[in-house]
PDB file of all heavy atoms in Angstrom:
ATOM      1  N   ALA A   1     -10.662  19.586  29.244  1.00  0.00           N
ATOM      2  CA  ALA A   1     -10.559  20.615  28.168  1.00  0.00           C
ATOM      3  C   ALA A   1     -10.459  21.947  28.704  1.00  0.00           C
ATOM      4  O   ALA A   1      -9.599  22.796  28.173  1.00  0.00           O
ATOM      5  CB  ALA A   1     -11.742  20.404  27.293  1.00  0.00           C
ATOM      6  N   VAL A   2     -11.181  22.302  29.731  1.00  0.00           N
ATOM      7  CA  VAL A   2     -11.140  23.684  30.330  1.00  0.00           C
ATOM      8  C   VAL A   2      -9.698  23.813  30.966  1.00  0.00           C
ATOM      9  O   VAL A   2      -9.113  24.929  30.847  1.00  0.00           O
ATOM     10  CB  VAL A   2     -12.195  23.889  31.351  1.00  0.00           C
ATOM     11  CG1 VAL A   2     -12.024  25.177  32.049  1.00  0.00           C
ATOM     12  CG2 VAL A   2     -13.639  23.755  30.728  1.00  0.00           C
ATOM     13  N   GLY A   3      -9.230  22.774  31.590  1.00  0.00           N
ATOM     14  CA  GLY A   3      -7.919  22.864  32.224  1.00  0.00           C
ATOM     15  C   GLY A   3      -6.835  23.151  31.221  1.00  0.00           C
ATOM     16  O   GLY A   3      -5.921  24.078  31.414  1.00  0.00           O
ATOM     17  N   LEU A   4      -6.839  22.423  30.053  1.00  0.00           N
ATOM     18  CA  LEU A   4      -5.795  22.687  29.015  1.00  0.00           C
ATOM     19  C   LEU A   4      -5.945  24.050  28.431  1.00  0.00           C
ATOM     20  O   LEU A   4      -4.963  24.753  28.280  1.00  0.00           O
ATOM     21  CB  LEU A   4      -5.889  21.602  27.946  1.00  0.00           C
ATOM     22  CG  LEU A   4      -5.483  20.134  28.442  1.00  0.00           C
ATOM     23  CD1 LEU A   4      -5.830  19.165  27.338  1.00  0.00           C
ATOM     24  CD2 LEU A   4      -3.918  20.125  28.632  1.00  0.00           C
ATOM     25  N   TYR A   5      -7.161  24.358  28.013  1.00  0.00           N
ATOM     26  CA  TYR A   5      -7.392  25.618  27.380  1.00  0.00           C
ATOM     27  C   TYR A   5      -7.121  26.811  28.310  1.00  0.00           C
ATOM     28  O   TYR A   5      -6.581  27.804  27.945  1.00  0.00           O
ATOM     29  CB  TYR A   5      -8.860  25.712  26.808  1.00  0.00           C
ATOM     30  CG  TYR A   5      -9.207  26.972  26.098  1.00  0.00           C
ATOM     31  CD1 TYR A   5      -9.065  27.083  24.760  1.00  0.00           C
ATOM     32  CD2 TYR A   5      -9.594  28.144  26.825  1.00  0.00           C
ATOM     33  CE1 TYR A   5      -9.380  28.243  24.059  1.00  0.00           C
ATOM     34  CE2 TYR A   5      -9.927  29.323  26.136  1.00  0.00           C
ATOM     35  CZ  TYR A   5      -9.769  29.344  24.764  1.00  0.00           C
ATOM     36  OH  TYR A   5     -10.113  30.454  24.100  1.00  0.00           O
ATOM     37  N   GLY A   6      -7.629  26.552  29.608  1.00  0.00           N
ATOM     38  CA  GLY A   6      -7.458  27.635  30.535  1.00  0.00           C
ATOM     39  C   GLY A   6      -5.956  27.920  30.905  1.00  0.00           C
ATOM     40  O   GLY A   6      -5.699  29.139  31.083  1.00  0.00           O
ATOM     41  N   ARG A   7      -5.084  26.958  30.979  1.00  0.00           N
ATOM     42  CA  ARG A   7      -3.734  27.246  31.263  1.00  0.00           C
ATOM     43  C   ARG A   7      -3.137  27.956  30.058  1.00  0.00           C
ATOM     44  O   ARG A   7      -2.225  28.863  30.321  1.00  0.00           O
ATOM     45  CB  ARG A   7      -2.916  25.922  31.579  1.00  0.00           C
ATOM     46  CG  ARG A   7      -3.169  25.301  32.888  1.00  0.00           C
ATOM     47  CD  ARG A   7      -3.511  26.244  34.059  1.00  0.00           C
ATOM     48  NE  ARG A   7      -4.998  26.314  34.132  1.00  0.00           N
ATOM     49  CZ  ARG A   7      -5.645  27.439  34.518  1.00  0.00           C
ATOM     50  NH1 ARG A   7      -5.076  28.517  34.812  1.00  0.00           N
ATOM     51  NH2 ARG A   7      -6.972  27.455  34.548  1.00  0.00           N
ATOM     52  N   ALA A   8      -3.358  27.512  28.854  1.00  0.00           N
ATOM     53  CA  ALA A   8      -2.830  28.179  27.703  1.00  0.00           C
ATOM     54  C   ALA A   8      -3.333  29.619  27.701  1.00  0.00           C
ATOM     55  O   ALA A   8      -2.525  30.531  27.443  1.00  0.00           O
ATOM     56  CB  ALA A   8      -3.207  27.455  26.401  1.00  0.00           C
ATOM     57  N   TYR A   9      -4.624  29.811  27.959  1.00  0.00           N
ATOM     58  CA  TYR A   9      -5.135  31.183  27.937  1.00  0.00           C
ATOM     59  C   TYR A   9      -4.547  32.065  29.062  1.00  0.00           C
ATOM     60  O   TYR A   9      -4.247  33.216  28.827  1.00  0.00           O
ATOM     61  CB  TYR A   9      -6.698  31.044  28.088  1.00  0.00           C
ATOM     62  CG  TYR A   9      -7.472  32.370  28.000  1.00  0.00           C
ATOM     63  CD1 TYR A   9      -7.988  32.761  26.758  1.00  0.00           C
ATOM     64  CD2 TYR A   9      -7.709  33.194  29.035  1.00  0.00           C
ATOM     65  CE1 TYR A   9      -8.649  33.896  26.562  1.00  0.00           C
ATOM     66  CE2 TYR A   9      -8.391  34.396  28.947  1.00  0.00           C
ATOM     67  CZ  TYR A   9      -8.879  34.755  27.677  1.00  0.00           C
ATOM     68  OH  TYR A   9      -9.560  35.912  27.519  1.00  0.00           O
ATOM     69  N   GLN A  10      -4.338  31.452  30.207  1.00  0.00           N
ATOM     70  CA  GLN A  10      -3.693  32.175  31.258  1.00  0.00           C
ATOM     71  C   GLN A  10      -2.317  32.629  30.972  1.00  0.00           C
ATOM     72  O   GLN A  10      -1.897  33.823  31.185  1.00  0.00           O
ATOM     73  CB  GLN A  10      -3.727  31.273  32.505  1.00  0.00           C
ATOM     74  CG  GLN A  10      -3.092  32.048  33.765  1.00  0.00           C
ATOM     75  CD  GLN A  10      -3.033  31.161  34.980  1.00  0.00           C
ATOM     76  OE1 GLN A  10      -3.242  29.950  34.886  1.00  0.00           O
ATOM     77  NE2 GLN A  10      -2.794  31.717  36.153  1.00  0.00           N
ATOM     78  N   LEU A  11      -1.561  31.809  30.371  1.00  0.00           N
ATOM     79  CA  LEU A  11      -0.163  32.109  29.930  1.00  0.00           C
ATOM     80  C   LEU A  11      -0.098  33.184  28.907  1.00  0.00           C
ATOM     81  O   LEU A  11       0.643  34.169  28.924  1.00  0.00           O
ATOM     82  CB  LEU A  11       0.546  31.009  29.388  1.00  0.00           C
ATOM     83  CG  LEU A  11       1.080  29.927  30.412  1.00  0.00           C
ATOM     84  CD1 LEU A  11       1.652  28.651  29.760  1.00  0.00           C
ATOM     85  CD2 LEU A  11       2.120  30.585  31.281  1.00  0.00           C
ATOM     86  N   ILE A  12      -1.153  33.138  27.927  1.00  0.00           N
ATOM     87  CA  ILE A  12      -1.242  34.197  26.932  1.00  0.00           C
ATOM     88  C   ILE A  12      -1.581  35.508  27.523  1.00  0.00           C
ATOM     89  O   ILE A  12      -1.075  36.587  27.093  1.00  0.00           O
ATOM     90  CB  ILE A  12      -2.416  33.719  25.906  1.00  0.00           C
ATOM     91  CG1 ILE A  12      -1.877  32.666  25.027  1.00  0.00           C
ATOM     92  CG2 ILE A  12      -2.852  34.953  25.117  1.00  0.00           C
ATOM     93  CD1 ILE A  12      -0.895  32.945  24.020  1.00  0.00           C
ATOM     94  N   ASN A  13      -2.459  35.514  28.593  1.00  0.00           N
ATOM     95  CA  ASN A  13      -2.935  36.774  29.094  1.00  0.00           C
ATOM     96  C   ASN A  13      -1.960  37.428  30.160  1.00  0.00           C
ATOM     97  O   ASN A  13      -2.248  38.570  30.558  1.00  0.00           O
ATOM     98  CB  ASN A  13      -4.354  36.580  29.701  1.00  0.00           C
ATOM     99  CG  ASN A  13      -5.397  36.749  28.612  1.00  0.00           C
ATOM    100  OD1 ASN A  13      -5.776  37.820  28.272  1.00  0.00           O
ATOM    101  ND2 ASN A  13      -5.775  35.576  27.998  1.00  0.00           N
ATOM    102  N   MET A  14      -1.056  36.583  30.647  1.00  0.00           N
ATOM    103  CA  MET A  14      -0.189  37.115  31.707  1.00  0.00           C
ATOM    104  C   MET A  14       0.559  38.373  31.177  1.00  0.00           C
ATOM    105  O   MET A  14       0.548  39.412  31.924  1.00  0.00           O
ATOM    106  CB  MET A  14       0.801  36.056  32.172  1.00  0.00           C
ATOM    107  CG  MET A  14       0.304  35.137  33.245  1.00  0.00           C
ATOM    108  SD  MET A  14       1.608  34.177  33.889  1.00  0.00           S
ATOM    109  CE  MET A  14       0.719  33.185  35.102  1.00  0.00           C
ATOM    110  N   PRO A  15       1.231  38.397  30.049  1.00  0.00           N
ATOM    111  CA  PRO A  15       1.871  39.615  29.605  1.00  0.00           C
ATOM    112  C   PRO A  15       0.916  40.743  29.431  1.00  0.00           C
ATOM    113  O   PRO A  15       1.232  41.910  29.729  1.00  0.00           O
ATOM    114  CB  PRO A  15       2.537  39.157  28.283  1.00  0.00           C
ATOM    115  CG  PRO A  15       2.595  37.716  28.320  1.00  0.00           C
ATOM    116  CD  PRO A  15       1.453  37.240  29.061  1.00  0.00           C
ATOM    117  N   THR A  16      -0.259  40.427  28.789  1.00  0.00           N
ATOM    118  CA  THR A  16      -1.238  41.519  28.545  1.00  0.00           C
ATOM    119  C   THR A  16      -1.690  42.105  29.816  1.00  0.00           C
ATOM    120  O   THR A  16      -1.812  43.345  29.969  1.00  0.00           O
ATOM    121  CB  THR A  16      -2.390  40.921  27.736  1.00  0.00           C
ATOM    122  OG1 THR A  16      -1.896  40.378  26.443  1.00  0.00           O
ATOM    123  CG2 THR A  16      -3.451  41.971  27.418  1.00  0.00           C
ATOM    124  N   ASP A  17      -2.083  41.262  30.799  1.00  0.00           N
ATOM    125  CA  ASP A  17      -2.616  41.713  32.037  1.00  0.00           C
ATOM    126  C   ASP A  17      -1.652  42.535  32.822  1.00  0.00           C
ATOM    127  O   ASP A  17      -1.915  43.647  33.343  1.00  0.00           O
ATOM    128  CB  ASP A  17      -3.057  40.574  32.891  1.00  0.00           C
ATOM    129  CG  ASP A  17      -4.277  39.905  32.359  1.00  0.00           C
ATOM    130  OD1 ASP A  17      -4.997  40.462  31.472  1.00  0.00           O
ATOM    131  OD2 ASP A  17      -4.634  38.825  32.791  1.00  0.00           O
ATOM    132  N   ASN A  18      -0.342  42.071  32.845  1.00  0.00           N
ATOM    133  CA  ASN A  18       0.705  42.840  33.607  1.00  0.00           C
ATOM    134  C   ASN A  18       1.053  44.120  32.970  1.00  0.00           C
ATOM    135  O   ASN A  18       1.148  45.153  33.675  1.00  0.00           O
ATOM    136  CB  ASN A  18       1.870  41.937  33.758  1.00  0.00           C
ATOM    137  CG  ASN A  18       1.791  40.923  34.829  1.00  0.00           C
ATOM    138  OD1 ASN A  18       2.189  41.239  36.000  1.00  0.00           O
ATOM    139  ND2 ASN A  18       1.259  39.790  34.628  1.00  0.00           N
ATOM    140  N   LEU A  19       1.129  44.186  31.643  1.00  0.00           N
ATOM    141  CA  LEU A  19       1.473  45.454  30.980  1.00  0.00           C
ATOM    142  C   LEU A  19       0.293  46.454  31.089  1.00  0.00           C
ATOM    143  O   LEU A  19       0.563  47.609  31.338  1.00  0.00           O
ATOM    144  CB  LEU A  19       1.812  45.178  29.515  1.00  0.00           C
ATOM    145  CG  LEU A  19       3.214  44.670  29.171  1.00  0.00           C
ATOM    146  CD1 LEU A  19       3.328  44.275  27.691  1.00  0.00           C
ATOM    147  CD2 LEU A  19       4.302  45.711  29.571  1.00  0.00           C
ATOM    148  N   ASN A  20      -0.864  45.852  30.873  1.00  0.00           N
ATOM    149  CA  ASN A  20      -2.004  46.852  30.956  1.00  0.00           C
ATOM    150  C   ASN A  20      -2.186  47.394  32.419  1.00  0.00           C
ATOM    151  O   ASN A  20      -2.547  48.562  32.568  1.00  0.00           O
ATOM    152  CB  ASN A  20      -3.300  46.073  30.534  1.00  0.00           C
ATOM    153  CG  ASN A  20      -4.363  47.056  30.099  1.00  0.00           C
ATOM    154  OD1 ASN A  20      -4.216  47.926  29.304  1.00  0.00           O
ATOM    155  ND2 ASN A  20      -5.506  46.893  30.739  1.00  0.00           N
ATOM    156  N   SER A  21      -1.877  46.488  33.357  1.00  0.00           N
ATOM    157  CA  SER A  21      -2.026  47.007  34.736  1.00  0.00           C
ATOM    158  C   SER A  21      -0.908  48.008  35.095  1.00  0.00           C
ATOM    159  O   SER A  21      -1.128  49.002  35.741  1.00  0.00           O
ATOM    160  CB  SER A  21      -1.955  45.771  35.723  1.00  0.00           C
ATOM    161  OG  SER A  21      -2.015  46.222  37.025  1.00  0.00           O
ATOM    162  N   ALA A  22       0.356  47.625  34.639  1.00  0.00           N
ATOM    163  CA  ALA A  22       1.485  48.521  34.935  1.00  0.00           C
ATOM    164  C   ALA A  22       1.348  49.842  34.344  1.00  0.00           C
ATOM    165  O   ALA A  22       1.478  50.868  34.946  1.00  0.00           O
ATOM    166  CB  ALA A  22       2.786  47.813  34.535  1.00  0.00           C
ATOM    167  N   VAL A  23       1.162  49.859  32.975  1.00  0.00           N
ATOM    168  CA  VAL A  23       1.072  51.174  32.257  1.00  0.00           C
ATOM    169  C   VAL A  23      -0.307  51.737  32.295  1.00  0.00           C
ATOM    170  O   VAL A  23      -0.456  52.959  32.462  1.00  0.00           O
ATOM    171  CB  VAL A  23       1.542  50.872  30.781  1.00  0.00           C
ATOM    172  CG1 VAL A  23       1.450  52.260  29.994  1.00  0.00           C
ATOM    173  CG2 VAL A  23       2.863  50.284  30.679  1.00  0.00           C
ATOM    174  N   GLY A  24      -1.337  51.000  32.235  1.00  0.00           N
ATOM    175  CA  GLY A  24      -2.725  51.407  32.161  1.00  0.00           C
ATOM    176  C   GLY A  24      -3.182  52.201  33.374  1.00  0.00           C
ATOM    177  O   GLY A  24      -3.796  53.165  33.256  1.00  0.00           O
ATOM    178  N   GLU A  25      -2.870  51.697  34.558  1.00  0.00           N
ATOM    179  CA  GLU A  25      -3.279  52.412  35.771  1.00  0.00           C
ATOM    180  C   GLU A  25      -2.666  53.761  35.939  1.00  0.00           C
ATOM    181  O   GLU A  25      -3.377  54.770  36.223  1.00  0.00           O
ATOM    182  CB  GLU A  25      -2.884  51.486  36.971  1.00  0.00           C
ATOM    183  CG  GLU A  25      -3.494  51.959  38.303  1.00  0.00           C
ATOM    184  CD  GLU A  25      -3.207  51.042  39.425  1.00  0.00           C
ATOM    185  OE1 GLU A  25      -3.806  49.929  39.485  1.00  0.00           O
ATOM    186  OE2 GLU A  25      -2.293  51.252  40.256  1.00  0.00           O
ATOM    187  N   VAL A  26      -1.373  53.909  35.544  1.00  0.00           N
ATOM    188  CA  VAL A  26      -0.704  55.139  35.576  1.00  0.00           C
ATOM    189  C   VAL A  26      -1.223  56.054  34.490  1.00  0.00           C
ATOM    190  O   VAL A  26      -1.572  57.217  34.645  1.00  0.00           O
ATOM    191  CB  VAL A  26       0.831  54.994  35.423  1.00  0.00           C
ATOM    192  CG1 VAL A  26       1.460  56.330  35.424  1.00  0.00           C
ATOM    193  CG2 VAL A  26       1.362  54.134  36.508  1.00  0.00           C
ATOM    194  N   ALA A  27      -1.433  55.479  33.271  1.00  0.00           N
ATOM    195  CA  ALA A  27      -1.910  56.259  32.108  1.00  0.00           C
ATOM    196  C   ALA A  27      -3.316  56.775  32.302  1.00  0.00           C
ATOM    197  O   ALA A  27      -3.579  57.911  32.051  1.00  0.00           O
ATOM    198  CB  ALA A  27      -1.889  55.363  30.940  1.00  0.00           C
ATOM    199  N   PHE A  28      -4.205  55.980  32.855  1.00  0.00           N
ATOM    200  CA  PHE A  28      -5.545  56.418  33.083  1.00  0.00           C
ATOM    201  C   PHE A  28      -5.611  57.568  34.131  1.00  0.00           C
ATOM    202  O   PHE A  28      -6.234  58.600  33.827  1.00  0.00           O
ATOM    203  CB  PHE A  28      -6.472  55.283  33.634  1.00  0.00           C
ATOM    204  CG  PHE A  28      -7.846  55.686  34.027  1.00  0.00           C
ATOM    205  CD1 PHE A  28      -8.657  56.397  33.103  1.00  0.00           C
ATOM    206  CD2 PHE A  28      -8.308  55.362  35.286  1.00  0.00           C
ATOM    207  CE1 PHE A  28      -9.985  56.755  33.505  1.00  0.00           C
ATOM    208  CE2 PHE A  28      -9.551  55.743  35.661  1.00  0.00           C
ATOM    209  CZ  PHE A  28     -10.448  56.448  34.748  1.00  0.00           C
TER     210      PHE A  28
END
């Protein structure tokens, strides 16, 4: 269950993490 949920969650968070890292680090 953790494996299935975790991969879906990881895919969901990839765009968020990358955008927040790319723009957020510079913005801060």
